[in-house]
């Protein structure tokens, strides 16, 4: 008698557990649940992409500073010193290059022209 009661209750518990497991899986595969999961993953991918872009931008700025230092393109703190250095190199009398009127800069991203 006890053996039958034990196996009956073990079978009932296994049935409840299996039913619960199947119902959870069906709910997780429902279209609205899949849409929510896909949206969450898209948002997470967007955050990862934004973090990557910020890291790239910071690396570009750091590398630009390094290149400017290596090439001696850093601006001196004293504006008078810059003029004296240009005079010594013989470039103080030159006018800065300016494009003709109506000409666009080669790096202009304006797509309307």
N, C-alpha and C. Protein backbone atom coordinates (compact mmCIF):
# COMPACT_ATOMS: atom_id res chain seq x y z
N UNK A 1 0.80 -1.19 0.00
CA UNK A 1 0.00 0.00 0.00
C UNK A 1 0.85 1.26 0.00
N UNK A 2 1.89 1.26 0.86
CA UNK A 2 2.75 2.44 0.90
C UNK A 2 3.55 2.58 -0.40
N UNK A 3 3.91 1.47 -0.97
CA UNK A 3 4.67 1.50 -2.21
C UNK A 3 3.81 2.13 -3.32
N UNK A 4 2.55 1.78 -3.40
CA UNK A 4 1.67 2.34 -4.42
C UNK A 4 1.46 3.83 -4.19
N UNK A 5 1.30 4.25 -2.96
CA UNK A 5 1.11 5.67 -2.64
C UNK A 5 2.37 6.46 -3.00
N UNK A 6 3.55 5.88 -2.72
CA UNK A 6 4.80 6.55 -3.06
C UNK A 6 4.91 6.76 -4.56
N UNK A 7 4.67 5.72 -5.35
CA UNK A 7 4.82 5.83 -6.80
C UNK A 7 3.73 6.72 -7.40
N UNK A 8 2.54 6.70 -6.80
CA UNK A 8 1.49 7.59 -7.28
C UNK A 8 1.88 9.05 -7.07
N UNK A 9 2.37 9.37 -5.87
CA UNK A 9 2.76 10.76 -5.58
C UNK A 9 4.00 11.15 -6.39
N UNK A 10 4.95 10.23 -6.61
CA UNK A 10 6.13 10.53 -7.43
C UNK A 10 5.70 10.80 -8.87
N UNK A 11 4.76 10.04 -9.39
CA UNK A 11 4.27 10.27 -10.76
C UNK A 11 3.53 11.58 -10.88
N UNK A 12 2.71 11.91 -9.87
CA UNK A 12 1.98 13.17 -9.88
C UNK A 12 2.95 14.36 -9.84
N UNK A 13 3.99 14.25 -9.01
CA UNK A 13 4.99 15.33 -8.92
C UNK A 13 5.74 15.48 -10.24
N UNK A 14 6.10 14.36 -10.86
CA UNK A 14 6.79 14.42 -12.15
C UNK A 14 5.88 15.03 -13.22
N UNK A 15 4.61 14.71 -13.18
CA UNK A 15 3.66 15.29 -14.13
C UNK A 15 3.51 16.78 -13.96
N UNK A 16 3.41 17.23 -12.70
CA UNK A 16 3.30 18.67 -12.43
C UNK A 16 4.57 19.38 -12.88
N UNK A 17 5.73 18.79 -12.56
CA UNK A 17 7.00 19.41 -12.95
C UNK A 17 7.11 19.51 -14.48
N UNK A 18 6.78 18.44 -15.20
CA UNK A 18 6.88 18.44 -16.66
C UNK A 18 5.89 19.43 -17.27
N UNK A 19 4.68 19.49 -16.73
CA UNK A 19 3.68 20.42 -17.25
C UNK A 19 4.13 21.86 -17.06
N UNK A 20 4.67 22.15 -15.88
CA UNK A 20 5.17 23.50 -15.60
C UNK A 20 6.31 23.86 -16.55
N UNK A 21 7.23 22.92 -16.75
CA UNK A 21 8.38 23.16 -17.62
C UNK A 21 7.93 23.42 -19.06
N UNK A 22 6.97 22.63 -19.56
CA UNK A 22 6.47 22.81 -20.92
C UNK A 22 5.75 24.13 -21.07
N UNK A 23 4.93 24.50 -20.08
CA UNK A 23 4.20 25.78 -20.15
C UNK A 23 5.16 26.97 -20.15
N UNK A 24 6.22 26.91 -19.36
CA UNK A 24 7.22 27.99 -19.35
C UNK A 24 7.88 28.12 -20.72
N UNK A 25 8.23 26.99 -21.31
CA UNK A 25 8.88 27.00 -22.62
C UNK A 25 7.94 27.56 -23.68
N UNK A 26 6.68 27.19 -23.63
CA UNK A 26 5.71 27.70 -24.59
C UNK A 26 5.53 29.21 -24.44
N UNK A 27 5.48 29.70 -23.19
CA UNK A 27 5.37 31.14 -22.97
C UNK A 27 6.59 31.88 -23.47
N UNK A 28 7.77 31.28 -23.30
CA UNK A 28 9.00 31.96 -23.75
C UNK A 28 9.10 31.97 -25.27
N UNK A 29 8.40 31.07 -25.96
CA UNK A 29 8.41 31.03 -27.42
C UNK A 29 7.23 31.75 -28.05
N UNK A 30 6.41 32.39 -27.24
CA UNK A 30 5.27 33.14 -27.76
C UNK A 30 5.80 34.35 -28.55
N UNK A 31 5.07 34.81 -29.57
CA UNK A 31 5.56 35.92 -30.39
C UNK A 31 5.86 37.20 -29.61
N UNK A 32 5.00 37.56 -28.65
CA UNK A 32 5.27 38.79 -27.90
C UNK A 32 6.51 38.64 -27.03
N UNK A 33 6.74 37.47 -26.48
CA UNK A 33 7.93 37.25 -25.68
C UNK A 33 9.19 37.29 -26.54
N UNK A 34 9.12 36.71 -27.73
CA UNK A 34 10.26 36.75 -28.65
C UNK A 34 10.56 38.18 -29.08
N UNK A 35 9.50 38.96 -29.30
CA UNK A 35 9.70 40.36 -29.72
C UNK A 35 10.38 41.17 -28.61
N UNK A 36 9.94 40.94 -27.37
CA UNK A 36 10.56 41.66 -26.24
C UNK A 36 12.02 41.26 -26.10
N UNK A 37 12.31 39.98 -26.23
CA UNK A 37 13.69 39.51 -26.12
C UNK A 37 14.57 40.08 -27.24
N UNK A 38 14.03 40.11 -28.46
CA UNK A 38 14.78 40.66 -29.60
C UNK A 38 15.02 42.15 -29.40
N UNK A 39 14.03 42.88 -28.89
CA UNK A 39 14.21 44.31 -28.65
C UNK A 39 15.27 44.55 -27.58
N UNK A 40 15.25 43.75 -26.53
CA UNK A 40 16.26 43.90 -25.48
C UNK A 40 17.66 43.63 -26.02
N UNK A 41 17.79 42.62 -26.86
CA UNK A 41 19.10 42.31 -27.43
C UNK A 41 19.55 43.40 -28.39
N UNK A 42 18.62 44.01 -29.12
CA UNK A 42 18.97 45.10 -30.03
C UNK A 42 19.45 46.32 -29.24
N UNK A 43 18.78 46.61 -28.14
CA UNK A 43 19.20 47.73 -27.30
C UNK A 43 20.59 47.46 -26.71
N UNK A 44 20.81 46.24 -26.26
CA UNK A 44 22.13 45.91 -25.70
C UNK A 44 23.21 46.00 -26.78
N UNK A 45 22.91 45.56 -28.00
CA UNK A 45 23.88 45.68 -29.09
C UNK A 45 24.15 47.14 -29.41
N UNK A 46 23.13 47.96 -29.36
CA UNK A 46 23.31 49.40 -29.59
C UNK A 46 24.22 50.02 -28.55
N UNK A 47 24.05 49.63 -27.29
CA UNK A 47 24.93 50.15 -26.23
C UNK A 47 26.36 49.70 -26.44
N UNK A 48 26.54 48.44 -26.84
CA UNK A 48 27.91 47.95 -27.10
C UNK A 48 28.54 48.69 -28.27
N UNK A 49 27.74 48.97 -29.30
CA UNK A 49 28.24 49.70 -30.47
C UNK A 49 28.61 51.13 -30.10
N UNK A 50 27.78 51.76 -29.27
CA UNK A 50 28.07 53.13 -28.83
C UNK A 50 29.35 53.16 -28.00
N UNK A 51 29.53 52.19 -27.10
CA UNK A 51 30.75 52.13 -26.30
C UNK A 51 31.97 51.92 -27.19
N UNK A 52 31.84 51.07 -28.21
CA UNK A 52 32.94 50.85 -29.14
C UNK A 52 33.28 52.13 -29.89
N UNK A 53 32.26 52.86 -30.35
CA UNK A 53 32.49 54.11 -31.07
C UNK A 53 33.18 55.13 -30.18
N UNK A 54 32.78 55.20 -28.91
CA UNK A 54 33.42 56.14 -27.98
C UNK A 54 34.88 55.74 -27.74
N UNK A 55 35.15 54.45 -27.64
CA UNK A 55 36.53 53.99 -27.47
C UNK A 55 37.37 54.33 -28.69
N UNK A 56 36.81 54.13 -29.87
CA UNK A 56 37.54 54.46 -31.10
C UNK A 56 37.81 55.96 -31.17
N UNK A 57 36.81 56.76 -30.83
CA UNK A 57 36.97 58.22 -30.87
C UNK A 57 38.04 58.68 -29.88
N UNK A 58 38.05 58.09 -28.69
CA UNK A 58 39.07 58.45 -27.70
C UNK A 58 40.46 58.03 -28.17
N UNK A 59 40.55 56.85 -28.79
CA UNK A 59 41.83 56.40 -29.33
C UNK A 59 42.31 57.29 -30.46
N UNK A 60 41.37 57.75 -31.30
CA UNK A 60 41.75 58.65 -32.39
C UNK A 60 42.28 59.97 -31.84
N UNK A 61 41.62 60.50 -30.82
CA UNK A 61 42.08 61.77 -30.23
C UNK A 61 43.46 61.59 -29.60
N UNK A 62 43.66 60.48 -28.91
CA UNK A 62 44.96 60.23 -28.29
C UNK A 62 46.05 60.10 -29.35
N UNK A 63 45.76 59.38 -30.43
CA UNK A 63 46.75 59.20 -31.50
C UNK A 63 47.04 60.51 -32.20
N UNK A 64 46.02 61.35 -32.36
CA UNK A 64 46.22 62.65 -32.99
C UNK A 64 47.15 63.51 -32.15
N UNK A 65 46.97 63.46 -30.84
CA UNK A 65 47.85 64.21 -29.95
C UNK A 65 49.28 63.69 -30.07
N UNK A 66 49.43 62.36 -30.10
CA UNK A 66 50.77 61.78 -30.23
C UNK A 66 51.43 62.18 -31.54
N UNK A 67 50.66 62.15 -32.63
CA UNK A 67 51.22 62.54 -33.93
C UNK A 67 51.58 64.02 -33.96
N UNK A 68 50.72 64.86 -33.40
CA UNK A 68 51.02 66.29 -33.36
C UNK A 68 52.29 66.56 -32.56
N UNK A 69 52.47 65.86 -31.45
CA UNK A 69 53.68 66.01 -30.66
C UNK A 69 54.91 65.53 -31.44
N UNK A 70 54.77 64.39 -32.13
CA UNK A 70 55.90 63.83 -32.87
C UNK A 70 56.29 64.72 -34.04
N UNK A 71 55.32 65.38 -34.67
CA UNK A 71 55.61 66.23 -35.82
C UNK A 71 55.87 67.67 -35.43
N UNK A 72 55.75 67.99 -34.16
CA UNK A 72 55.99 69.36 -33.70
C UNK A 72 54.89 70.31 -34.10
N UNK A 73 53.67 69.84 -34.19
CA UNK A 73 52.56 70.68 -34.61
C UNK A 73 51.77 71.25 -33.44
N UNK A 74 52.26 71.07 -32.24
CA UNK A 74 51.53 71.59 -31.09
C UNK A 74 51.72 73.09 -31.04
N UNK A 75 50.66 73.80 -30.74
CA UNK A 75 50.71 75.27 -30.69
C UNK A 75 51.40 75.71 -29.40
N UNK A 76 52.34 76.65 -29.49
CA UNK A 76 52.98 77.15 -28.28
C UNK A 76 51.99 77.98 -27.46
N UNK A 77 52.24 78.05 -26.17
CA UNK A 77 51.35 78.79 -25.28
C UNK A 77 51.46 80.30 -25.50
N UNK A 78 52.64 80.80 -25.92
CA UNK A 78 52.87 82.23 -26.13
C UNK A 78 52.66 82.56 -27.60
N UNK A 79 51.65 83.39 -27.97
CA UNK A 79 51.42 83.69 -29.37
C UNK A 79 52.59 84.44 -30.01
N UNK A 80 53.31 85.21 -29.23
CA UNK A 80 54.48 85.92 -29.76
C UNK A 80 55.57 84.96 -30.17
N UNK A 81 55.70 83.87 -29.46
CA UNK A 81 56.73 82.88 -29.79
C UNK A 81 56.41 82.22 -31.13
N UNK A 82 55.14 82.07 -31.44
CA UNK A 82 54.77 81.46 -32.71
C UNK A 82 55.18 82.37 -33.86
N UNK A 83 54.97 83.66 -33.72
CA UNK A 83 55.36 84.61 -34.77
C UNK A 83 56.86 84.64 -34.97
N UNK A 84 57.61 84.59 -33.87
CA UNK A 84 59.07 84.59 -33.97
C UNK A 84 59.57 83.32 -34.65
N UNK A 85 58.95 82.19 -34.34
CA UNK A 85 59.38 80.94 -34.96
C UNK A 85 59.07 80.96 -36.45
N UNK A 86 57.93 81.54 -36.86
CA UNK A 86 57.61 81.62 -38.28
C UNK A 86 58.57 82.55 -39.01
N UNK A 87 58.94 83.65 -38.37
CA UNK A 87 59.89 84.57 -39.00
C UNK A 87 61.24 83.89 -39.21
N UNK A 88 61.67 83.10 -38.24
CA UNK A 88 62.94 82.40 -38.38
C UNK A 88 62.90 81.40 -39.53
N UNK A 89 61.75 80.80 -39.76
CA UNK A 89 61.64 79.84 -40.85
C UNK A 89 61.36 80.51 -42.18
N UNK A 90 61.02 81.78 -42.18
CA UNK A 90 60.80 82.51 -43.42
C UNK A 90 59.41 82.34 -43.99
N UNK A 91 58.44 82.05 -43.18
CA UNK A 91 57.09 81.85 -43.71
C UNK A 91 56.10 82.88 -43.19
N UNK A 92 56.60 83.90 -42.48
CA UNK A 92 55.68 84.87 -41.89
C UNK A 92 55.02 85.74 -42.95
N UNK A 93 55.68 85.99 -44.08
CA UNK A 93 55.12 86.87 -45.10
C UNK A 93 54.10 86.20 -46.00
N UNK A 94 53.98 84.91 -45.97
CA UNK A 94 53.03 84.21 -46.83
C UNK A 94 51.61 84.37 -46.35
N UNK A 95 50.72 84.52 -47.29
CA UNK A 95 49.29 84.60 -46.94
C UNK A 95 48.76 83.17 -46.78
N UNK A 96 47.85 82.97 -45.88
CA UNK A 96 47.29 81.62 -45.73
C UNK A 96 46.50 81.25 -46.98
N UNK A 97 46.52 79.97 -47.30
CA UNK A 97 45.79 79.48 -48.47
C UNK A 97 44.30 79.49 -48.19
N UNK A 98 43.57 80.15 -49.09
CA UNK A 98 42.11 80.17 -48.97
C UNK A 98 41.53 79.75 -50.30
N UNK A 99 40.53 78.88 -50.30
CA UNK A 99 39.93 78.46 -51.57
C UNK A 99 39.18 79.61 -52.22
N UNK A 100 39.02 79.56 -53.52
CA UNK A 100 38.30 80.59 -54.25
C UNK A 100 36.84 80.60 -53.80
N UNK A 101 36.19 81.72 -54.04
CA UNK A 101 34.79 81.84 -53.67
C UNK A 101 33.97 80.78 -54.41
N UNK A 102 33.10 80.14 -53.72
CA UNK A 102 32.26 79.12 -54.30
C UNK A 102 32.88 77.74 -54.29
N UNK A 103 34.18 77.65 -54.02
CA UNK A 103 34.85 76.35 -53.98
C UNK A 103 34.58 75.71 -52.62
N UNK A 104 34.46 74.42 -52.62
CA UNK A 104 34.22 73.72 -51.36
C UNK A 104 35.51 73.06 -50.90
N UNK A 105 35.57 72.87 -49.63
CA UNK A 105 36.72 72.18 -49.04
C UNK A 105 36.67 70.72 -49.46
N UNK A 106 37.81 70.08 -49.73
CA UNK A 106 37.77 68.67 -50.17
C UNK A 106 37.19 67.73 -49.13
N UNK A 107 37.18 68.12 -47.88
CA UNK A 107 36.64 67.27 -46.84
C UNK A 107 35.22 67.67 -46.46
N UNK A 108 34.59 68.52 -47.25
CA UNK A 108 33.25 68.97 -46.96
C UNK A 108 32.28 67.81 -47.13
N UNK A 109 31.50 67.53 -46.10
CA UNK A 109 30.58 66.39 -46.12
C UNK A 109 29.17 66.80 -46.60
N UNK A 110 29.03 68.03 -47.06
CA UNK A 110 27.72 68.49 -47.52
C UNK A 110 27.40 67.78 -48.82
N UNK A 111 26.32 67.02 -48.84
CA UNK A 111 25.95 66.23 -50.01
C UNK A 111 25.12 67.02 -51.00
N UNK A 112 24.82 68.30 -50.71
CA UNK A 112 23.95 69.07 -51.59
C UNK A 112 24.70 69.74 -52.73
N UNK A 113 25.96 69.63 -52.81
CA UNK A 113 26.71 70.33 -53.88
C UNK A 113 27.04 69.43 -55.04
